Amino acid sequence: MNSIKKYALTYLKGMAMGAADIVPGVSGGSIALIAGIYQELLNSINSFSLENLKLLGKFEVKSFYKAVNGSFLLSLLLGILTSIFALSNLITYLMSDHPIPLWSFFTGLILISAFLILKEIKRWHLGVILAVLIGTGIAYWVTNLPPTTTPNAIWFTFVSGAIAICAMILPGISGSFILLIMGQYEPILQAVNERNFLKLFVFAAGCAVGILSFSRVVSWLLRKYHSATIGLLSGFMLGSVNELWPWKIVTAWRTSSDGEQKPFLDENILPGDYLELVGKEPLILSAFLAFAFGIFLVLFIEWLAAKLLK
């Protein structure tokens, strides 16, 4: 019964990761760290070694499934896919029609999570403090980068897949946002719509190489410099709040592949200036309630996880 509870909870955590991945600017890695499954996720990805892959060649499927922590990965993947298919329309609607409460909710969720994770660090020293500051600075810098024009070559599709997937497993940095910065967000979406299977295969291959390589680097850092690495990852989450800030003014637009005008560049502004500059109400009460709900949800999930796994 304990294992059923464990994998049911993993499924729910996967749903939370899926919901986050739909939103550009929110990282599934943040949710994995918040939900306490980040280390297990890294270990499971790392278990796709040559030795374990040989088990598939020998048709020892059961042994392979056990070796790669298949029950955990399957529960997580099912949760992610459920969320993507069930919530994508809702999240898209909220982003379009109610952006201030949505971004406020994620701001509350990310901030409280970063502080709870930092609270787990038992031994604070100068290295940990520097790691938090460096992580915050890097995430802030990345979220301020403008989208660039990059080569429309197949090799760059591979590279962008490898880099974007690394960002997806890093808390605080969104893979879809990295694709946008690299000028590959629209081409990849276009490849999906046009069923350009060669481009999608090359992108997926880049993702596979990136995640299998980078997860080992992060795992090594967590083993050797646990507190400093946790500080760095928490810093990424804190710095990402720059991208999640609810009150923004669009400074430049882009034309999507289907001819729609979409925001290209934006700038954070104060709630007091929002009405004057954007011409819409800043919805401060709604923002505060959504922010508080984000904090409450993280605390409730922590309590629920502790209760279910007793």
Protein backbone atom coordinates (compact mmCIF):
# COMPACT_ATOMS: atom_id res chain seq x y z
CA MET A 1 0.00 0.00 0.00
CA ASN A 2 2.92 2.31 0.78
CA SER A 3 4.27 1.94 -2.77
CA ILE A 4 0.82 2.74 -4.23
CA LYS A 5 0.70 5.93 -2.11
CA LYS A 6 4.25 6.80 -3.13
CA TYR A 7 3.61 6.48 -6.88
CA ALA A 8 0.20 8.18 -6.65
CA LEU A 9 2.01 11.11 -5.00
CA THR A 10 4.71 11.00 -7.71
CA TYR A 11 1.94 11.14 -10.33
CA LEU A 12 0.51 14.28 -8.68
CA LYS A 13 4.00 15.83 -8.56
CA GLY A 14 4.35 15.01 -12.27
CA MET A 15 1.08 16.85 -12.89
CA ALA A 16 2.53 19.88 -11.10
CA MET A 17 5.68 19.66 -13.27
CA GLY A 18 3.57 19.40 -16.42
CA ALA A 19 1.50 22.44 -15.45
CA ALA A 20 4.71 24.42 -14.86
CA ASP A 21 6.28 23.34 -18.15
CA ILE A 22 3.29 24.74 -20.07
CA VAL A 23 4.10 28.23 -18.74
CA PRO A 24 7.10 29.92 -20.43
CA GLY A 25 9.31 31.25 -17.62
CA VAL A 26 8.48 28.50 -15.10
CA SER A 27 10.82 25.51 -14.87
CA GLY A 28 9.71 21.92 -14.30
CA GLY A 29 13.00 21.56 -12.41
CA SER A 30 11.75 24.11 -9.86
CA ILE A 31 8.67 21.95 -9.19
CA ALA A 32 10.82 18.80 -8.90
CA LEU A 33 13.01 20.55 -6.30
CA ILE A 34 9.96 21.92 -4.46
CA ALA A 35 8.31 18.49 -4.45
CA GLY A 36 11.40 16.75 -3.06
CA ILE A 37 11.97 14.46 -6.08
CA TYR A 38 14.84 16.33 -7.74
CA GLN A 39 17.60 13.97 -6.57
CA GLU A 40 15.58 10.86 -7.45
CA LEU A 41 14.83 12.31 -10.88
CA LEU A 42 18.55 12.94 -11.52
CA ASN A 43 19.46 9.44 -10.29
CA SER A 44 16.80 7.87 -12.53
CA ILE A 45 18.03 9.79 -15.60
CA ASN A 46 21.62 8.83 -14.79
CA SER A 47 20.62 5.14 -14.62
CA PHE A 48 20.26 5.12 -18.43
CA SER A 49 23.84 3.86 -18.68
CA LEU A 50 25.38 1.67 -21.38
CA GLU A 51 25.34 -1.26 -18.97
CA ASN A 52 21.60 -0.93 -18.32
CA LEU A 53 20.81 -0.29 -22.00
CA LYS A 54 22.50 -3.62 -22.80
CA LEU A 55 19.72 -5.31 -20.81
CA LEU A 56 17.29 -4.17 -23.51
CA GLY A 57 19.53 -5.75 -26.15
CA LYS A 58 19.26 -9.02 -24.23
CA PHE A 59 15.44 -8.54 -24.01
CA GLU A 60 15.66 -8.42 -20.20
CA VAL A 61 12.91 -5.80 -20.06
CA LYS A 62 11.94 -6.43 -16.44
CA SER A 63 15.54 -6.04 -15.24
CA PHE A 64 15.94 -2.86 -17.33
CA TYR A 65 12.68 -1.41 -15.94
CA LYS A 66 13.87 -2.01 -12.37
CA ALA A 67 17.40 -0.71 -13.08
CA VAL A 68 16.15 2.66 -14.41
CA ASN A 69 13.57 3.13 -11.60
CA GLY A 70 10.80 2.60 -14.17
CA SER A 71 7.84 2.87 -11.76
CA PHE A 72 8.97 6.30 -10.59
CA LEU A 73 9.68 7.59 -14.13
CA LEU A 74 6.42 6.15 -15.51
CA SER A 75 4.34 7.70 -12.70
CA LEU A 76 6.08 11.04 -13.20
CA LEU A 77 5.75 10.96 -17.00
CA LEU A 78 2.05 10.03 -16.85
CA GLY A 79 1.47 12.95 -14.46
CA ILE A 80 3.35 15.38 -16.74
CA LEU A 81 1.42 14.21 -19.85
CA THR A 82 -1.93 14.32 -18.01
CA SER A 83 -1.27 17.91 -17.02
CA ILE A 84 -0.08 18.98 -20.48
CA PHE A 85 -3.18 17.54 -22.18
CA ALA A 86 -5.71 18.43 -19.46
CA LEU A 87 -4.47 21.85 -18.35
CA SER A 88 -2.83 23.37 -21.44
CA ASN A 89 -6.04 25.14 -22.52
CA LEU A 90 -6.68 26.43 -18.97
CA ILE A 91 -3.09 27.69 -18.53
CA THR A 92 -3.15 29.30 -21.99
CA TYR A 93 -6.47 31.00 -21.14
CA LEU A 94 -5.12 32.27 -17.79
CA MET A 95 -1.93 33.57 -19.43
CA SER A 96 -3.98 35.41 -22.03
CA ASP A 97 -6.92 36.71 -19.95
CA HIS A 98 -5.72 36.72 -16.31
CA PRO A 99 -1.91 37.12 -16.44
CA ILE A 100 -1.51 39.15 -13.22
CA PRO A 101 -3.08 36.57 -10.83
CA LEU A 102 -1.32 33.70 -12.68
CA TRP A 103 2.17 35.25 -12.47
CA SER A 104 1.49 36.34 -8.86
CA PHE A 105 0.59 32.74 -7.98
CA PHE A 106 3.84 31.42 -9.48
CA THR A 107 5.85 34.19 -7.79
CA GLY A 108 4.47 33.18 -4.37
CA LEU A 109 5.04 29.51 -5.13
CA ILE A 110 8.66 29.98 -6.27
CA LEU A 111 9.67 32.40 -3.48
CA ILE A 112 8.35 30.30 -0.58
CA SER A 113 9.87 27.18 -2.15
CA ALA A 114 13.30 28.78 -2.53
CA PHE A 115 13.27 29.84 1.13
CA LEU A 116 12.08 26.39 2.33
CA ILE A 117 14.86 24.72 0.32
CA LEU A 118 17.46 27.14 1.74
CA LYS A 119 16.16 26.32 5.21
CA GLU A 120 17.25 22.70 4.67
CA ILE A 121 20.92 23.75 4.43
CA LYS A 122 22.46 22.69 7.73
CA ARG A 123 25.88 24.28 7.37
CA TRP A 124 26.06 27.85 6.09
CA HIS A 125 29.41 29.28 5.03
CA LEU A 126 30.76 31.90 2.64
CA GLY A 127 30.69 29.46 -0.30
CA VAL A 128 26.95 28.81 0.16
CA ILE A 129 26.16 32.54 0.39
CA LEU A 130 28.21 33.22 -2.77
CA ALA A 131 26.43 30.31 -4.54
CA VAL A 132 23.01 31.80 -3.71
CA LEU A 133 24.10 35.25 -4.96
CA ILE A 134 25.71 33.81 -8.13
CA GLY A 135 22.62 31.69 -8.89
CA THR A 136 20.33 34.69 -8.39
CA GLY A 137 22.56 36.86 -10.59
CA ILE A 138 22.77 34.28 -13.41
CA ALA A 139 18.99 33.72 -13.49
CA TYR A 140 18.33 37.47 -13.41
CA TRP A 141 20.82 38.01 -16.27
CA VAL A 142 19.37 35.14 -18.36
CA THR A 143 15.78 36.38 -17.94
CA ASN A 144 16.89 39.82 -19.21
CA LEU A 145 18.52 38.49 -22.38
CA PRO A 146 16.76 39.58 -25.60
CA PRO A 147 15.86 36.95 -28.22
CA THR A 148 18.54 36.63 -30.89
CA THR A 149 18.75 35.65 -34.55
CA THR A 150 20.51 32.30 -34.81
CA PRO A 151 21.47 29.95 -37.68
CA ASN A 152 18.60 28.01 -39.23
CA ALA A 153 20.90 24.99 -39.62
CA ILE A 154 20.19 21.40 -38.55
CA TRP A 155 23.30 21.29 -36.32
CA PHE A 156 22.00 24.30 -34.36
CA THR A 157 18.67 22.50 -33.84
CA PHE A 158 20.67 19.74 -32.10
CA VAL A 159 22.59 22.28 -29.98
CA SER A 160 19.43 24.18 -29.00
CA GLY A 161 17.77 20.91 -27.90
CA ALA A 162 20.78 20.01 -25.73
CA ILE A 163 20.88 23.46 -24.09
CA ALA A 164 17.11 23.81 -23.62
CA ILE A 165 16.72 20.43 -21.92
CA CYS A 166 19.57 21.33 -19.52
CA ALA A 167 17.62 24.46 -18.59
CA MET A 168 14.47 22.39 -18.06
CA ILE A 169 16.09 20.34 -15.29
CA LEU A 170 17.61 23.45 -13.69
CA PRO A 171 15.25 25.06 -11.17
CA GLY A 172 14.32 28.64 -12.03
CA ILE A 173 15.32 28.59 -15.70
CA SER A 174 12.67 27.64 -18.26
CA GLY A 175 13.68 25.55 -21.28
CA SER A 176 11.03 27.22 -23.45
CA PHE A 177 12.42 30.63 -22.44
CA ILE A 178 15.94 29.51 -23.44
CA LEU A 179 14.57 28.42 -26.84
CA LEU A 180 13.00 31.88 -27.20
CA ILE A 181 16.32 33.58 -26.40
CA MET A 182 18.13 31.33 -28.92
CA GLY A 183 15.57 32.17 -31.61
CA GLN A 184 14.42 28.54 -31.82
CA TYR A 185 11.05 28.65 -30.02
CA GLU A 186 9.06 29.50 -33.15
CA PRO A 187 10.99 27.15 -35.52
CA ILE A 188 10.45 24.18 -33.19
CA LEU A 189 6.72 24.96 -32.86
CA GLN A 190 6.58 25.30 -36.65
CA ALA A 191 8.30 21.92 -37.03
CA VAL A 192 5.62 20.37 -34.79
CA ASN A 193 2.79 21.97 -36.82
CA GLU A 194 4.36 21.02 -40.18
CA ARG A 195 5.26 17.48 -39.02
CA ASN A 196 8.92 18.11 -39.89
CA PHE A 197 10.06 14.81 -38.39
CA LEU A 198 13.74 15.24 -39.35
CA LYS A 199 14.01 18.53 -37.43
CA LEU A 200 12.04 17.10 -34.48
CA PHE A 201 14.21 13.94 -34.41
CA VAL A 202 17.43 16.02 -34.40
CA PHE A 203 15.98 18.25 -31.64
CA ALA A 204 14.97 15.18 -29.58
CA ALA A 205 18.46 13.69 -30.07
CA GLY A 206 19.98 16.93 -28.76
CA CYS A 207 17.63 16.79 -25.76
CA ALA A 208 18.64 13.18 -25.02
CA VAL A 209 22.39 13.95 -25.19
CA GLY A 210 21.94 17.14 -23.14
CA ILE A 211 19.90 15.62 -20.32
CA LEU A 212 22.02 12.45 -20.00
CA SER A 213 25.23 14.52 -19.83
CA PHE A 214 24.06 17.44 -17.74
CA SER A 215 22.18 15.39 -15.12
CA ARG A 216 25.48 13.66 -14.30
CA VAL A 217 27.19 17.03 -13.80
CA VAL A 218 24.44 18.23 -11.42
CA SER A 219 24.49 14.88 -9.54
CA TRP A 220 28.26 15.13 -9.11
CA LEU A 221 27.95 18.69 -7.78
CA LEU A 222 25.24 17.62 -5.32
CA ARG A 223 27.45 14.76 -4.08
CA LYS A 224 30.63 16.81 -3.72
CA TYR A 225 29.29 20.28 -2.81
CA HIS A 226 25.74 19.62 -1.61
CA SER A 227 25.06 22.82 0.35
CA ALA A 228 26.65 25.15 -2.22
CA THR A 229 24.81 23.41 -5.09
CA ILE A 230 21.46 23.66 -3.26
CA GLY A 231 22.28 27.35 -2.67
CA LEU A 232 23.02 27.81 -6.40
CA LEU A 233 19.78 26.06 -7.46
CA SER A 234 17.76 28.11 -4.95
CA GLY A 235 19.44 31.25 -6.30
CA PHE A 236 18.27 30.30 -9.80
CA MET A 237 14.71 30.19 -8.43
CA LEU A 238 15.04 33.56 -6.69
CA GLY A 239 16.51 35.21 -9.80
CA SER A 240 13.74 33.80 -12.01
CA VAL A 241 11.19 35.97 -10.17
CA ASN A 242 12.38 38.75 -12.50
CA GLU A 243 10.68 36.87 -15.37
CA LEU A 244 7.58 36.04 -13.26
CA TRP A 245 6.91 39.66 -12.15
CA PRO A 246 3.16 40.16 -12.83
CA TRP A 247 3.18 43.80 -14.02
CA LYS A 248 4.85 44.20 -17.41
CA ILE A 249 4.63 46.50 -20.41
CA VAL A 250 5.29 45.10 -23.89
CA THR A 251 8.03 47.10 -25.65
CA ALA A 252 8.20 45.08 -28.90
CA TRP A 253 5.99 42.60 -30.76
CA ARG A 254 6.70 39.68 -33.12
CA THR A 255 4.62 38.00 -35.82
CA SER A 256 4.14 34.28 -35.16
CA SER A 257 4.17 31.60 -37.89
CA ASP A 258 0.36 31.79 -38.13
CA GLY A 259 0.45 35.59 -38.59
CA GLU A 260 -0.55 36.57 -35.02
CA GLN A 261 1.08 39.50 -33.19
CA LYS A 262 2.68 38.23 -29.97
CA PRO A 263 4.79 39.96 -27.27
CA PHE A 264 8.52 39.90 -28.13
CA LEU A 265 10.15 42.12 -25.50
CA ASP A 266 8.69 43.38 -22.23
CA GLU A 267 9.75 45.41 -19.23
CA ASN A 268 8.80 45.11 -15.55
CA ILE A 269 6.93 48.09 -14.10
CA LEU A 270 5.50 49.00 -10.69
CA PRO A 271 1.80 48.24 -9.98
CA GLY A 272 1.21 51.98 -9.42
CA ASP A 273 2.35 52.75 -12.99
CA TYR A 274 0.45 49.89 -14.62
CA LEU A 275 -2.88 51.70 -15.16
CA GLU A 276 -1.18 54.74 -16.67
CA LEU A 277 1.25 52.86 -18.96
CA VAL A 278 -0.83 49.81 -19.95
CA GLY A 279 -4.35 51.20 -19.56
CA LYS A 280 -5.56 48.29 -17.39
CA GLU A 281 -6.26 47.90 -13.66
CA PRO A 282 -3.28 46.49 -11.72
CA LEU A 283 -5.60 44.08 -9.79
CA ILE A 284 -3.50 44.36 -6.63
CA LEU A 285 -6.00 42.48 -4.42
CA SER A 286 -6.27 39.59 -6.93
CA ALA A 287 -2.48 39.52 -7.20
CA PHE A 288 -2.07 39.40 -3.41
CA LEU A 289 -4.64 36.58 -3.02
CA ALA A 290 -3.01 34.55 -5.83
CA PHE A 291 0.45 35.17 -4.29
CA ALA A 292 -0.84 33.97 -0.89
CA PHE A 293 -2.46 30.91 -2.50
CA GLY A 294 0.89 29.98 -4.09
CA ILE A 295 2.53 30.09 -0.64
CA PHE A 296 -0.33 28.12 0.94
CA LEU A 297 -0.23 25.45 -1.78
CA VAL A 298 3.49 24.71 -1.25
CA LEU A 299 3.03 24.46 2.53
CA PHE A 300 -0.04 22.23 2.05
CA ILE A 301 1.81 19.90 -0.37
CA GLU A 302 4.68 19.60 2.11
CA TRP A 303 2.23 18.69 4.88
CA LEU A 304 0.31 16.26 2.65
CA ALA A 305 3.50 14.52 1.45
CA ALA A 306 4.69 14.03 5.03
CA LYS A 307 1.27 12.65 6.05
CA LEU A 308 0.89 10.26 3.07
CA LEU A 309 4.36 8.80 3.37
CA LYS A 310 4.18 8.09 7.11
